[in-house]
Each structure stands twice: as structure tokens, then as C-alpha cells.
């Protein structure tokens, strides 16, 4: 009498071969499908995709000088008073992500103070768009590496608006290096003091003025999650920012102040054309799953979400990836 176990195994193997043969036939008939090289579009409007303009900007990088202007207005985003009566201070708010965040905060009812280095034309343009949303905008040029400047910026914001409810730490310095030997101590120090000391100085200056319901939002980076071979110092600071975010969130929780971070992938702002050579910028963002960089208007709603108590009162200490790739 045949063994029923053997028969069952033979039947399963036969079934597997049948499935394999069917798929082999499909593959031969259709050929292996090639992965699409087209950029992925998930919104109502197509966003720019590689090849991008081959342009190299002089640091710190001006949005006004970019051949392809970043999209920051988020035309499909409708404000609903989520930040009504609040005041925000945004570092690096003159352009890029900071500009788009400033515009959406104003659209949600907040007055905005913009901290920036010396990109006066960009800052004036941001102010114009904030005021077009019906809110006030204060411009504060200076260097976030200087703790005294950070204190003055906060004091001037308090004098102008009477209070501060939201701090967005966003100012950054980035310059690629081919190897560790290319990275001098002075250059490492510049990146550290701009990207992480600047966040520390601003948080320390703002914290005494924040009340229950206030929040701090730090701009991290996918490089702080995954590292970057040619951004050794920059990715180090971004990893530190993520840890700073979680630690400060625990520290301030009892005061009712939330601290979170957004970790963007490649975003079309002046930061990158002011870093990479033109040939690399042409393919900027192509390595993401979406095969294109984000536009600032695709990042800024996340900053609204994390700032608004009506949206995220139960969220603190997170690093929210917005990277254009599956799983962040």
C-alpha cells in the first residue's frame, strides 16, 4: 500500500512545478518587466524630477539665484486655524523648508519670526508671503552659532509678539567631503556649531518662554538615520539632533512642552546646489524610491502637524521620516 505521506509530498512538489512552469511561460511571453525610471507623482500636481538644472550656488545659497525655484506655497493646503494666536520662531526660515513652514504657519494663524544668516533678498520674499497670509513677520539676521545672538533673537520676538509658542530649529551647514582626511577640525567644528550647537542655543533661549502646549521641532535628516559616506560631519550632526530631540522631549514633558523632529530625505532647496557639483545635482533625489527630490511644500505640512496641539498633543520625542522611500 503506497505511503500516504509520500503521495502528499509528491502532490505538493507537482503543484509547485506547475506554478513555476506557468510563471516561466509568462516571463518568456512578456519578458522581465523593467523597473520604471519615471519619477513617482502622488499628488495632484507633478513635481520636478531629474534631470534638474546643473547649477552650483555660492554659499550660503540663495533661493533667488536658483534656476528651478523650489515649490513652497502648497496651493492645495487649506488653513483651518490650527495655530491661531500662536507665534513661531524659525531658524533658516528665509528659504527652502523654513520658508514653506513659515508660509503654512501663517496660513494656520501664527505670526512668524525668521532667523537667517545674510540672505536678505530671500528673507524679504519670505516675509512678503507670510504677510500675504495675513500674519506678521519679523526678520532676524544673525549666526545661530552665537548664543548671545540667539538670546537677542528670542527677546526681540517676545517684544514683537508678546510670546513664543513654537521653535523650529532648521538652520544648517552642509559641505561634502570625499574622505575623512579631507575633513579638517575647523570644518568639522563649523558644521557641529551650526547644526547642533545652534539648535541647543535656540532651545535654551526659547525654553523659559514656552508654556504648556508649546513645542520645539527640529529638522533632522535621513542621513542621521542611515549615515552618508560623503557627508561625515553633516550626518553626524543630524544623528545628534535626533538624540537631542528625544532627550529634550523627556526633559520638558512634565512642563507640557513637546519636542519632535522631521527627518527629510533629499529636498530641493539652496542647501544642495550650494554643496554638490552641477553634474551630481542634475540627478539629485533620483536614488529615492520616488526617483525625485521632495519640494519644500511636501515637507511643511509635517511641521504643522507636529506644532499643532489639535493634531499631535499625544506625540513627543519622535523622528518623523519624510524621505521619498518605502519605510523611510
C-alpha atoms as a PDB file:
ATOM      1  CA  UNK A   1       0.000   0.000   0.000  1.00  0.00           C
ATOM      2  CA  UNK A   2       1.573   3.360  -1.039  1.00  0.00           C
ATOM      3  CA  UNK A   3       2.631   5.640   1.783  1.00  0.00           C
ATOM      4  CA  UNK A   4       0.082   8.475   2.054  1.00  0.00           C
ATOM      5  CA  UNK A   5       2.786  10.845   3.309  1.00  0.00           C
ATOM      6  CA  UNK A   6       4.888  10.274   0.187  1.00  0.00           C
ATOM      7  CA  UNK A   7       1.869  10.830  -2.031  1.00  0.00           C
ATOM      8  CA  UNK A   8       1.106  14.125  -0.292  1.00  0.00           C
ATOM      9  CA  UNK A   9       4.712  15.309  -0.715  1.00  0.00           C
ATOM     10  CA  UNK A  10       4.763  14.324  -4.388  1.00  0.00           C
ATOM     11  CA  UNK A  11       1.486  16.175  -4.934  1.00  0.00           C
ATOM     12  CA  UNK A  12       2.833  19.332  -3.282  1.00  0.00           C
ATOM     13  CA  UNK A  13       6.032  19.180  -5.348  1.00  0.00           C
ATOM     14  CA  UNK A  14       3.992  18.700  -8.522  1.00  0.00           C
ATOM     15  CA  UNK A  15       1.847  21.688  -7.670  1.00  0.00           C
ATOM     16  CA  UNK A  16       4.946  23.841  -7.096  1.00  0.00           C
ATOM     17  CA  UNK A  17       6.344  22.789 -10.503  1.00  0.00           C
ATOM     18  CA  UNK A  18       3.064  23.682 -12.196  1.00  0.00           C
ATOM     19  CA  UNK A  19       3.099  27.170 -10.651  1.00  0.00           C
ATOM     20  CA  UNK A  20       6.741  27.571 -11.670  1.00  0.00           C
ATOM     21  CA  UNK A  21       6.059  26.497 -15.247  1.00  0.00           C
ATOM     22  CA  UNK A  22       3.107  28.884 -15.546  1.00  0.00           C
ATOM     23  CA  UNK A  23       5.229  31.794 -14.346  1.00  0.00           C
ATOM     24  CA  UNK A  24       8.149  30.813 -16.606  1.00  0.00           C
ATOM     25  CA  UNK A  25       5.777  30.901 -19.566  1.00  0.00           C
ATOM     26  CA  UNK A  26       4.511  34.351 -18.607  1.00  0.00           C
ATOM     27  CA  UNK A  27       8.084  35.624 -18.227  1.00  0.00           C
ATOM     28  CA  UNK A  28       9.051  34.287 -21.642  1.00  0.00           C
ATOM     29  CA  UNK A  29       5.970  35.764 -23.283  1.00  0.00           C
ATOM     30  CA  UNK A  30       6.193  39.180 -21.692  1.00  0.00           C
ATOM     31  CA  UNK A  31       9.891  39.475 -20.857  1.00  0.00           C
ATOM     32  CA  UNK A  32      11.023  40.538 -17.428  1.00  0.00           C
ATOM     33  CA  UNK A  33       9.431  43.871 -16.599  1.00  0.00           C
ATOM     34  CA  UNK A  34      11.999  46.603 -16.292  1.00  0.00           C
ATOM     35  CA  UNK A  35      11.812  48.914 -13.321  1.00  0.00           C
ATOM     36  CA  UNK A  36      10.304  52.236 -14.305  1.00  0.00           C
ATOM     37  CA  UNK A  37      12.728  55.138 -14.341  1.00  0.00           C
ATOM     38  CA  UNK A  38       9.957  57.701 -14.242  1.00  0.00           C
ATOM     39  CA  UNK A  39       9.595  59.783 -11.095  1.00  0.00           C
ATOM     40  CA  UNK A  40       6.669  58.869  -8.888  1.00  0.00           C
ATOM     41  CA  UNK A  41       3.967  61.504  -8.502  1.00  0.00           C
ATOM     42  CA  UNK A  42       1.475  61.068  -5.675  1.00  0.00           C
ATOM     43  CA  UNK A  43      -0.202  64.480  -5.504  1.00  0.00           C
ATOM     44  CA  UNK A  44      -2.491  66.467  -7.760  1.00  0.00           C
ATOM     45  CA  UNK A  45       0.392  68.329  -9.349  1.00  0.00           C
ATOM     46  CA  UNK A  46       3.532  66.878 -10.919  1.00  0.00           C
ATOM     47  CA  UNK A  47       6.694  67.850  -9.047  1.00  0.00           C
ATOM     48  CA  UNK A  48      10.039  68.429 -10.821  1.00  0.00           C
ATOM     49  CA  UNK A  49      12.187  65.360 -11.342  1.00  0.00           C
ATOM     50  CA  UNK A  50      15.704  64.630 -12.649  1.00  0.00           C
ATOM     51  CA  UNK A  51      17.430  65.769 -14.688  1.00  0.00           C
ATOM     52  CA  UNK A  52      17.491  69.003 -12.683  1.00  0.00           C
ATOM     53  CA  UNK A  53      19.372  72.177 -13.655  1.00  0.00           C
ATOM     54  CA  UNK A  54      23.148  71.757 -13.455  1.00  0.00           C
ATOM     55  CA  UNK A  55      23.786  74.668 -11.147  1.00  0.00           C
ATOM     56  CA  UNK A  56      26.277  75.361  -8.372  1.00  0.00           C
ATOM     57  CA  UNK A  57      25.473  78.134  -5.887  1.00  0.00           C
ATOM     58  CA  UNK A  58      27.829  80.155  -3.736  1.00  0.00           C
ATOM     59  CA  UNK A  59      27.262  79.518  -0.017  1.00  0.00           C
ATOM     60  CA  UNK A  60      25.140  80.005   1.955  1.00  0.00           C
ATOM     61  CA  UNK A  61      22.942  79.630  -1.135  1.00  0.00           C
ATOM     62  CA  UNK A  62      20.162  81.931  -2.268  1.00  0.00           C
ATOM     63  CA  UNK A  63      16.796  80.713  -3.440  1.00  0.00           C
ATOM     64  CA  UNK A  64      16.542  83.821  -5.604  1.00  0.00           C
ATOM     65  CA  UNK A  65      19.531  82.558  -7.629  1.00  0.00           C
ATOM     66  CA  UNK A  66      18.139  79.088  -8.319  1.00  0.00           C
ATOM     67  CA  UNK A  67      17.221  78.354 -11.936  1.00  0.00           C
ATOM     68  CA  UNK A  68      14.487  75.963 -10.831  1.00  0.00           C
ATOM     69  CA  UNK A  69      12.667  77.642  -7.950  1.00  0.00           C
ATOM     70  CA  UNK A  70      11.633  75.383  -5.065  1.00  0.00           C
ATOM     71  CA  UNK A  71       7.906  74.997  -4.619  1.00  0.00           C
ATOM     72  CA  UNK A  72       6.842  76.196  -1.197  1.00  0.00           C
ATOM     73  CA  UNK A  73       3.311  77.614  -1.440  1.00  0.00           C
ATOM     74  CA  UNK A  74       1.405  74.306  -1.046  1.00  0.00           C
ATOM     75  CA  UNK A  75      -1.575  75.546  -3.087  1.00  0.00           C
ATOM     76  CA  UNK A  76      -3.771  72.586  -2.097  1.00  0.00           C
ATOM     77  CA  UNK A  77      -3.180  73.151   1.639  1.00  0.00           C
ATOM     78  CA  UNK A  78      -6.094  74.942   3.282  1.00  0.00           C
ATOM     79  CA  UNK A  79      -5.548  76.532   6.680  1.00  0.00           C
ATOM     80  CA  UNK A  80      -8.067  75.930   9.454  1.00  0.00           C
ATOM     81  CA  UNK A  81      -6.740  77.943  12.396  1.00  0.00           C
ATOM     82  CA  UNK A  82      -4.654  75.133  13.889  1.00  0.00           C
ATOM     83  CA  UNK A  83      -2.043  77.660  15.109  1.00  0.00           C
ATOM     84  CA  UNK A  84      -4.358  80.617  15.643  1.00  0.00           C
ATOM     85  CA  UNK A  85      -2.953  83.153  18.113  1.00  0.00           C
ATOM     86  CA  UNK A  86       0.454  81.488  18.272  1.00  0.00           C
ATOM     87  CA  UNK A  87       3.901  82.868  17.484  1.00  0.00           C
ATOM     88  CA  UNK A  88       6.740  80.853  15.959  1.00  0.00           C
ATOM     89  CA  UNK A  89      10.452  81.443  15.520  1.00  0.00           C
ATOM     90  CA  UNK A  90      12.051  79.558  12.616  1.00  0.00           C
ATOM     91  CA  UNK A  91      15.803  79.360  12.030  1.00  0.00           C
ATOM     92  CA  UNK A  92      16.850  79.056   8.425  1.00  0.00           C
ATOM     93  CA  UNK A  93      13.404  80.425   7.632  1.00  0.00           C
ATOM     94  CA  UNK A  94      14.419  82.565   4.685  1.00  0.00           C
ATOM     95  CA  UNK A  95      14.311  79.769   2.078  1.00  0.00           C
ATOM     96  CA  UNK A  96      13.738  76.090   1.417  1.00  0.00           C
ATOM     97  CA  UNK A  97      11.902  74.095   4.062  1.00  0.00           C
ATOM     98  CA  UNK A  98      11.968  77.010   6.502  1.00  0.00           C
ATOM     99  CA  UNK A  99      10.228  79.319   4.051  1.00  0.00           C
ATOM    100  CA  UNK A 100       7.478  76.818   3.332  1.00  0.00           C
ATOM    101  CA  UNK A 101       6.971  76.173   7.059  1.00  0.00           C
ATOM    102  CA  UNK A 102       6.728  79.926   7.676  1.00  0.00           C
ATOM    103  CA  UNK A 103       4.051  80.295   4.990  1.00  0.00           C
ATOM    104  CA  UNK A 104       1.950  77.391   6.273  1.00  0.00           C
ATOM    105  CA  UNK A 105       2.270  78.508   9.889  1.00  0.00           C
ATOM    106  CA  UNK A 106       0.965  81.911   8.809  1.00  0.00           C
ATOM    107  CA  UNK A 107      -1.842  80.218   6.871  1.00  0.00           C
ATOM    108  CA  UNK A 108      -2.760  78.439  10.103  1.00  0.00           C
ATOM    109  CA  UNK A 109      -2.880  81.748  12.021  1.00  0.00           C
ATOM    110  CA  UNK A 110       0.602  82.137  13.562  1.00  0.00           C
ATOM    111  CA  UNK A 111       2.885  85.160  13.497  1.00  0.00           C
ATOM    112  CA  UNK A 112       6.406  84.225  12.456  1.00  0.00           C
ATOM    113  CA  UNK A 113       9.939  85.374  13.272  1.00  0.00           C
ATOM    114  CA  UNK A 114      12.551  84.372  10.702  1.00  0.00           C
ATOM    115  CA  UNK A 115      16.169  83.781  11.758  1.00  0.00           C
ATOM    116  CA  UNK A 116      18.610  83.702   8.841  1.00  0.00           C
ATOM    117  CA  UNK A 117      22.293  84.308   8.104  1.00  0.00           C
ATOM    118  CA  UNK A 118      22.624  87.011   5.438  1.00  0.00           C
ATOM    119  CA  UNK A 119      20.290  86.036   2.585  1.00  0.00           C
ATOM    120  CA  UNK A 120      18.372  89.298   2.827  1.00  0.00           C
ATOM    121  CA  UNK A 121      16.607  89.031  -0.524  1.00  0.00           C
ATOM    122  CA  UNK A 122      15.270  85.570   0.284  1.00  0.00           C
ATOM    123  CA  UNK A 123      14.185  86.674   3.765  1.00  0.00           C
ATOM    124  CA  UNK A 124      12.316  89.698   2.400  1.00  0.00           C
ATOM    125  CA  UNK A 125      10.497  87.427  -0.057  1.00  0.00           C
ATOM    126  CA  UNK A 126       9.502  85.052   2.740  1.00  0.00           C
ATOM    127  CA  UNK A 127       8.214  87.973   4.786  1.00  0.00           C
ATOM    128  CA  UNK A 128       6.110  89.104   1.836  1.00  0.00           C
ATOM    129  CA  UNK A 129       4.459  85.702   1.566  1.00  0.00           C
ATOM    130  CA  UNK A 130       3.854  85.440   5.323  1.00  0.00           C
ATOM    131  CA  UNK A 131       2.208  88.849   5.350  1.00  0.00           C
ATOM    132  CA  UNK A 132       0.123  87.864   2.322  1.00  0.00           C
ATOM    133  CA  UNK A 133      -1.376  85.171   4.564  1.00  0.00           C
ATOM    134  CA  UNK A 134      -2.497  87.913   6.945  1.00  0.00           C
ATOM    135  CA  UNK A 135       0.139  87.462   9.672  1.00  0.00           C
ATOM    136  CA  UNK A 136       3.108  89.466  10.947  1.00  0.00           C
ATOM    137  CA  UNK A 137       6.708  88.551  10.152  1.00  0.00           C
ATOM    138  CA  UNK A 138       9.880  89.624  11.948  1.00  0.00           C
ATOM    139  CA  UNK A 139      13.282  89.248  10.249  1.00  0.00           C
ATOM    140  CA  UNK A 140      16.292  88.460  12.454  1.00  0.00           C
ATOM    141  CA  UNK A 141      19.639  88.161  10.596  1.00  0.00           C
ATOM    142  CA  UNK A 142      22.486  86.561  12.544  1.00  0.00           C
ATOM    143  CA  UNK A 143      24.559  83.477  13.306  1.00  0.00           C
ATOM    144  CA  UNK A 144      22.996  80.717  15.421  1.00  0.00           C
ATOM    145  CA  UNK A 145      26.473  79.607  16.491  1.00  0.00           C
ATOM    146  CA  UNK A 146      26.474  82.695  18.738  1.00  0.00           C
ATOM    147  CA  UNK A 147      24.469  82.091  21.930  1.00  0.00           C
ATOM    148  CA  UNK A 148      24.158  85.821  22.567  1.00  0.00           C
ATOM    149  CA  UNK A 149      22.572  86.360  19.163  1.00  0.00           C
ATOM    150  CA  UNK A 150      20.118  83.519  19.881  1.00  0.00           C
ATOM    151  CA  UNK A 151      19.127  85.174  23.167  1.00  0.00           C
ATOM    152  CA  UNK A 152      18.639  88.536  21.426  1.00  0.00           C
ATOM    153  CA  UNK A 153      16.569  86.937  18.674  1.00  0.00           C
ATOM    154  CA  UNK A 154      14.231  85.402  21.241  1.00  0.00           C
ATOM    155  CA  UNK A 155      13.986  88.675  23.178  1.00  0.00           C
ATOM    156  CA  UNK A 156      13.127  90.601  20.012  1.00  0.00           C
ATOM    157  CA  UNK A 157      10.470  88.020  19.139  1.00  0.00           C
ATOM    158  CA  UNK A 158       8.939  88.368  22.604  1.00  0.00           C
ATOM    159  CA  UNK A 159       8.978  92.165  22.263  1.00  0.00           C
ATOM    160  CA  UNK A 160       7.294  91.942  18.847  1.00  0.00           C
ATOM    161  CA  UNK A 161       4.670  89.269  19.502  1.00  0.00           C
ATOM    162  CA  UNK A 162       4.451  89.094  23.305  1.00  0.00           C
ATOM    163  CA  UNK A 163       5.059  85.346  23.428  1.00  0.00           C
ATOM    164  CA  UNK A 164       6.653  82.362  21.679  1.00  0.00           C
ATOM    165  CA  UNK A 165       4.795  79.109  21.262  1.00  0.00           C
ATOM    166  CA  UNK A 166       6.828  77.237  18.632  1.00  0.00           C
ATOM    167  CA  UNK A 167      10.533  76.936  17.868  1.00  0.00           C
ATOM    168  CA  UNK A 168      11.572  75.363  14.576  1.00  0.00           C
ATOM    169  CA  UNK A 169      15.302  74.623  14.510  1.00  0.00           C
ATOM    170  CA  UNK A 170      16.137  74.359  10.829  1.00  0.00           C
ATOM    171  CA  UNK A 171      19.350  76.297  10.029  1.00  0.00           C
ATOM    172  CA  UNK A 172      22.146  74.083   8.695  1.00  0.00           C
ATOM    173  CA  UNK A 173      25.561  73.982   7.060  1.00  0.00           C
ATOM    174  CA  UNK A 174      26.441  71.178   4.638  1.00  0.00           C
ATOM    175  CA  UNK A 175      29.539  70.559   2.516  1.00  0.00           C
ATOM    176  CA  UNK A 176      30.545  67.173   1.131  1.00  0.00           C
ATOM    177  CA  UNK A 177      33.968  65.609   1.707  1.00  0.00           C
ATOM    178  CA  UNK A 178      35.457  62.740  -0.286  1.00  0.00           C
ATOM    179  CA  UNK A 179      37.269  61.209   2.669  1.00  0.00           C
ATOM    180  CA  UNK A 180      37.901  61.605   6.379  1.00  0.00           C
ATOM    181  CA  UNK A 181      41.310  63.124   5.623  1.00  0.00           C
ATOM    182  CA  UNK A 182      39.623  66.000   3.749  1.00  0.00           C
ATOM    183  CA  UNK A 183      37.631  66.945   6.816  1.00  0.00           C
ATOM    184  CA  UNK A 184      39.637  69.408   8.891  1.00  0.00           C
ATOM    185  CA  UNK A 185      38.939  70.020  12.557  1.00  0.00           C
ATOM    186  CA  UNK A 186      37.946  73.610  11.711  1.00  0.00           C
ATOM    187  CA  UNK A 187      35.430  72.424   9.145  1.00  0.00           C
ATOM    188  CA  UNK A 188      34.037  69.756  11.480  1.00  0.00           C
ATOM    189  CA  UNK A 189      33.720  72.438  14.148  1.00  0.00           C
ATOM    190  CA  UNK A 190      31.821  74.754  11.777  1.00  0.00           C
ATOM    191  CA  UNK A 191      29.289  72.038  10.954  1.00  0.00           C
ATOM    192  CA  UNK A 192      28.858  70.984  14.584  1.00  0.00           C
ATOM    193  CA  UNK A 193      28.450  74.527  15.891  1.00  0.00           C
ATOM    194  CA  UNK A 194      25.953  75.485  13.199  1.00  0.00           C
ATOM    195  CA  UNK A 195      23.851  72.344  13.121  1.00  0.00           C
ATOM    196  CA  UNK A 196      23.752  71.102  16.702  1.00  0.00           C
ATOM    197  CA  UNK A 197      25.112  73.923  18.871  1.00  0.00           C
ATOM    198  CA  UNK A 198      22.745  76.282  17.059  1.00  0.00           C
ATOM    199  CA  UNK A 199      19.787  74.053  17.962  1.00  0.00           C
ATOM    200  CA  UNK A 200      20.985  73.889  21.561  1.00  0.00           C
ATOM    201  CA  UNK A 201      21.442  77.676  21.826  1.00  0.00           C
ATOM    202  CA  UNK A 202      17.996  78.386  20.378  1.00  0.00           C
ATOM    203  CA  UNK A 203      16.235  75.774  22.520  1.00  0.00           C
ATOM    204  CA  UNK A 204      17.921  77.086  25.655  1.00  0.00           C
ATOM    205  CA  UNK A 205      16.938  80.671  24.826  1.00  0.00           C
ATOM    206  CA  UNK A 206      13.321  79.782  23.987  1.00  0.00           C
ATOM    207  CA  UNK A 207      12.538  77.218  26.673  1.00  0.00           C
ATOM    208  CA  UNK A 208      11.882  79.690  29.555  1.00  0.00           C
ATOM    209  CA  UNK A 209       9.214  81.382  27.428  1.00  0.00           C
ATOM    210  CA  UNK A 210       7.341  78.271  26.302  1.00  0.00           C
ATOM    211  CA  UNK A 211       4.110  77.451  28.081  1.00  0.00           C
ATOM    212  CA  UNK A 212       2.022  74.302  28.224  1.00  0.00           C
ATOM    213  CA  UNK A 213       1.058  73.419  24.642  1.00  0.00           C
ATOM    214  CA  UNK A 214       4.270  74.870  23.225  1.00  0.00           C
ATOM    215  CA  UNK A 215       6.561  72.815  21.034  1.00  0.00           C
ATOM    216  CA  UNK A 216      10.029  72.544  19.556  1.00  0.00           C
ATOM    217  CA  UNK A 217      10.503  70.951  16.152  1.00  0.00           C
ATOM    218  CA  UNK A 218      13.988  70.070  14.932  1.00  0.00           C
ATOM    219  CA  UNK A 219      14.964  69.358  11.345  1.00  0.00           C
ATOM    220  CA  UNK A 220      16.920  66.124  11.259  1.00  0.00           C
ATOM    221  CA  UNK A 221      17.756  64.158   8.127  1.00  0.00           C
ATOM    222  CA  UNK A 222      17.685  60.750   6.503  1.00  0.00           C
ATOM    223  CA  UNK A 223      21.491  60.988   6.749  1.00  0.00           C
ATOM    224  CA  UNK A 224      21.096  60.969  10.530  1.00  0.00           C
ATOM    225  CA  UNK A 225      19.169  57.699  10.230  1.00  0.00           C
ATOM    226  CA  UNK A 226      21.337  55.957   7.636  1.00  0.00           C
ATOM    227  CA  UNK A 227      24.642  57.845   7.535  1.00  0.00           C
ATOM    228  CA  UNK A 228      26.267  59.254   4.416  1.00  0.00           C
ATOM    229  CA  UNK A 229      29.712  58.366   3.090  1.00  0.00           C
ATOM    230  CA  UNK A 230      30.479  61.880   1.829  1.00  0.00           C
ATOM    231  CA  UNK A 231      28.623  63.863   4.485  1.00  0.00           C
ATOM    232  CA  UNK A 232      30.501  62.596   7.510  1.00  0.00           C
ATOM    233  CA  UNK A 233      30.180  65.718   9.630  1.00  0.00           C
ATOM    234  CA  UNK A 234      26.685  66.668   8.466  1.00  0.00           C
ATOM    235  CA  UNK A 235      25.201  63.213   9.081  1.00  0.00           C
ATOM    236  CA  UNK A 236      26.912  63.129  12.488  1.00  0.00           C
ATOM    237  CA  UNK A 237      25.160  66.339  13.492  1.00  0.00           C
ATOM    238  CA  UNK A 238      21.834  65.061  12.221  1.00  0.00           C
ATOM    239  CA  UNK A 239      22.159  61.888  14.285  1.00  0.00           C
ATOM    240  CA  UNK A 240      22.950  64.098  17.272  1.00  0.00           C
ATOM    241  CA  UNK A 241      19.849  66.186  16.535  1.00  0.00           C
ATOM    242  CA  UNK A 242      17.692  63.067  16.633  1.00  0.00           C
ATOM    243  CA  UNK A 243      19.123  62.092  20.033  1.00  0.00           C
ATOM    244  CA  UNK A 244      18.822  65.692  21.255  1.00  0.00           C
ATOM    245  CA  UNK A 245      15.157  65.652  20.215  1.00  0.00           C
ATOM    246  CA  UNK A 246      14.321  62.508  22.158  1.00  0.00           C
ATOM    247  CA  UNK A 247      16.307  63.579  25.214  1.00  0.00           C
ATOM    248  CA  UNK A 248      14.845  67.084  25.326  1.00  0.00           C
ATOM    249  CA  UNK A 249      11.358  65.639  24.849  1.00  0.00           C
ATOM    250  CA  UNK A 250      11.802  63.622  28.048  1.00  0.00           C
ATOM    251  CA  UNK A 251      13.294  66.609  29.841  1.00  0.00           C
ATOM    252  CA  UNK A 252      10.438  69.010  29.024  1.00  0.00           C
ATOM    253  CA  UNK A 253       7.497  66.621  29.093  1.00  0.00           C
ATOM    254  CA  UNK A 254       6.378  67.485  32.650  1.00  0.00           C
ATOM    255  CA  UNK A 255       6.064  71.133  31.563  1.00  0.00           C
ATOM    256  CA  UNK A 256       3.616  70.198  28.810  1.00  0.00           C
ATOM    257  CA  UNK A 257       6.121  71.083  26.074  1.00  0.00           C
ATOM    258  CA  UNK A 258       6.519  68.646  23.187  1.00  0.00           C
ATOM    259  CA  UNK A 259       9.743  68.133  21.200  1.00  0.00           C
ATOM    260  CA  UNK A 260       9.815  66.304  17.879  1.00  0.00           C
ATOM    261  CA  UNK A 261      11.882  66.126  14.701  1.00  0.00           C
ATOM    262  CA  UNK A 262      11.305  65.739  10.988  1.00  0.00           C
ATOM    263  CA  UNK A 263      13.906  63.736   9.048  1.00  0.00           C
ATOM    264  CA  UNK A 264      13.694  64.776   5.382  1.00  0.00           C
ATOM    265  CA  UNK A 265      15.215  62.907   2.504  1.00  0.00           C
ATOM    266  CA  UNK A 266      16.557  64.927  -0.449  1.00  0.00           C
ATOM    267  CA  UNK A 267      14.676  68.239  -0.724  1.00  0.00           C
ATOM    268  CA  UNK A 268      15.051  70.818  -3.491  1.00  0.00           C
ATOM    269  CA  UNK A 269      16.433  73.832  -1.576  1.00  0.00           C
ATOM    270  CA  UNK A 270      19.502  76.082  -1.936  1.00  0.00           C
ATOM    271  CA  UNK A 271      21.408  73.865   0.530  1.00  0.00           C
ATOM    272  CA  UNK A 272      22.242  71.168  -2.006  1.00  0.00           C
ATOM    273  CA  UNK A 273      23.181  73.192  -5.121  1.00  0.00           C
ATOM    274  CA  UNK A 274      25.444  75.127  -2.743  1.00  0.00           C
ATOM    275  CA  UNK A 275      27.132  71.826  -1.859  1.00  0.00           C
ATOM    276  CA  UNK A 276      27.234  69.349  -4.738  1.00  0.00           C
ATOM    277  CA  UNK A 277      28.817  69.919  -8.175  1.00  0.00           C
ATOM    278  CA  UNK A 278      26.420  70.578 -11.088  1.00  0.00           C
ATOM    279  CA  UNK A 279      26.744  67.060 -12.548  1.00  0.00           C
ATOM    280  CA  UNK A 280      25.546  65.445  -9.307  1.00  0.00           C
ATOM    281  CA  UNK A 281      22.788  67.996  -8.739  1.00  0.00           C
ATOM    282  CA  UNK A 282      21.265  67.034 -12.089  1.00  0.00           C
ATOM    283  CA  UNK A 283      20.386  63.620 -10.577  1.00  0.00           C
ATOM    284  CA  UNK A 284      19.572  64.877  -7.076  1.00  0.00           C
ATOM    285  CA  UNK A 285      16.910  62.684  -5.463  1.00  0.00           C
ATOM    286  CA  UNK A 286      16.944  60.072  -8.242  1.00  0.00           C
ATOM    287  CA  UNK A 287      18.114  57.343  -5.837  1.00  0.00           C
ATOM    288  CA  UNK A 288      14.956  57.534  -3.706  1.00  0.00           C
ATOM    289  CA  UNK A 289      12.093  55.150  -4.353  1.00  0.00           C
ATOM    290  CA  UNK A 290      10.150  58.087  -5.775  1.00  0.00           C
ATOM    291  CA  UNK A 291      13.126  58.856  -8.054  1.00  0.00           C
ATOM    292  CA  UNK A 292      12.946  62.589  -7.392  1.00  0.00           C
ATOM    293  CA  UNK A 293      13.617  65.074  -4.608  1.00  0.00           C
ATOM    294  CA  UNK A 294      10.843  66.450  -2.446  1.00  0.00           C
ATOM    295  CA  UNK A 295       9.710  70.020  -2.815  1.00  0.00           C
ATOM    296  CA  UNK A 296       9.554  72.083   0.405  1.00  0.00           C
ATOM    297  CA  UNK A 297       5.757  72.181   0.209  1.00  0.00           C
ATOM    298  CA  UNK A 298       5.769  68.399   0.604  1.00  0.00           C
ATOM    299  CA  UNK A 299       7.594  68.713   3.946  1.00  0.00           C
ATOM    300  CA  UNK A 300       5.961  71.725   5.588  1.00  0.00           C
ATOM    301  CA  UNK A 301       2.603  70.083   6.460  1.00  0.00           C
ATOM    302  CA  UNK A 302       4.520  67.685   8.729  1.00  0.00           C
ATOM    303  CA  UNK A 303       5.786  70.701  10.679  1.00  0.00           C
ATOM    304  CA  UNK A 304       2.222  71.982  11.041  1.00  0.00           C
ATOM    305  CA  UNK A 305       1.099  68.572  12.266  1.00  0.00           C
ATOM    306  CA  UNK A 306       3.828  68.409  14.923  1.00  0.00           C
ATOM    307  CA  UNK A 307       3.295  72.022  16.049  1.00  0.00           C
ATOM    308  CA  UNK A 308      -0.483  71.948  16.378  1.00  0.00           C
ATOM    309  CA  UNK A 309      -1.805  70.625  19.715  1.00  0.00           C
ATOM    310  CA  UNK A 310      -5.051  69.782  17.935  1.00  0.00           C
ATOM    311  CA  UNK A 311      -3.124  67.272  15.796  1.00  0.00           C
ATOM    312  CA  UNK A 312      -0.294  65.925  17.914  1.00  0.00           C
ATOM    313  CA  UNK A 313      -0.898  66.594  21.612  1.00  0.00           C
ATOM    314  CA  UNK A 314      -0.049  62.934  22.358  1.00  0.00           C
ATOM    315  CA  UNK A 315       3.149  62.863  20.285  1.00  0.00           C
ATOM    316  CA  UNK A 316       6.580  63.772  21.605  1.00  0.00           C
ATOM    317  CA  UNK A 317      10.127  62.546  21.098  1.00  0.00           C
ATOM    318  CA  UNK A 318       9.588  61.139  17.621  1.00  0.00           C
ATOM    319  CA  UNK A 319      11.719  61.481  14.493  1.00  0.00           C
ATOM    320  CA  UNK A 320       9.288  61.561  11.575  1.00  0.00           C
ATOM    321  CA  UNK A 321      10.892  60.383   8.305  1.00  0.00           C
ATOM    322  CA  UNK A 322       9.723  62.121   5.135  1.00  0.00           C
ATOM    323  CA  UNK A 323      12.201  60.562   2.741  1.00  0.00           C
ATOM    324  CA  UNK A 324      10.501  59.555  -0.503  1.00  0.00           C
ATOM    325  CA  UNK A 325      11.467  55.916   0.085  1.00  0.00           C
ATOM    326  CA  UNK A 326       9.454  52.987   1.386  1.00  0.00           C
ATOM    327  CA  UNK A 327       9.947  52.555   5.110  1.00  0.00           C
ATOM    328  CA  UNK A 328      11.862  55.844   5.457  1.00  0.00           C
END
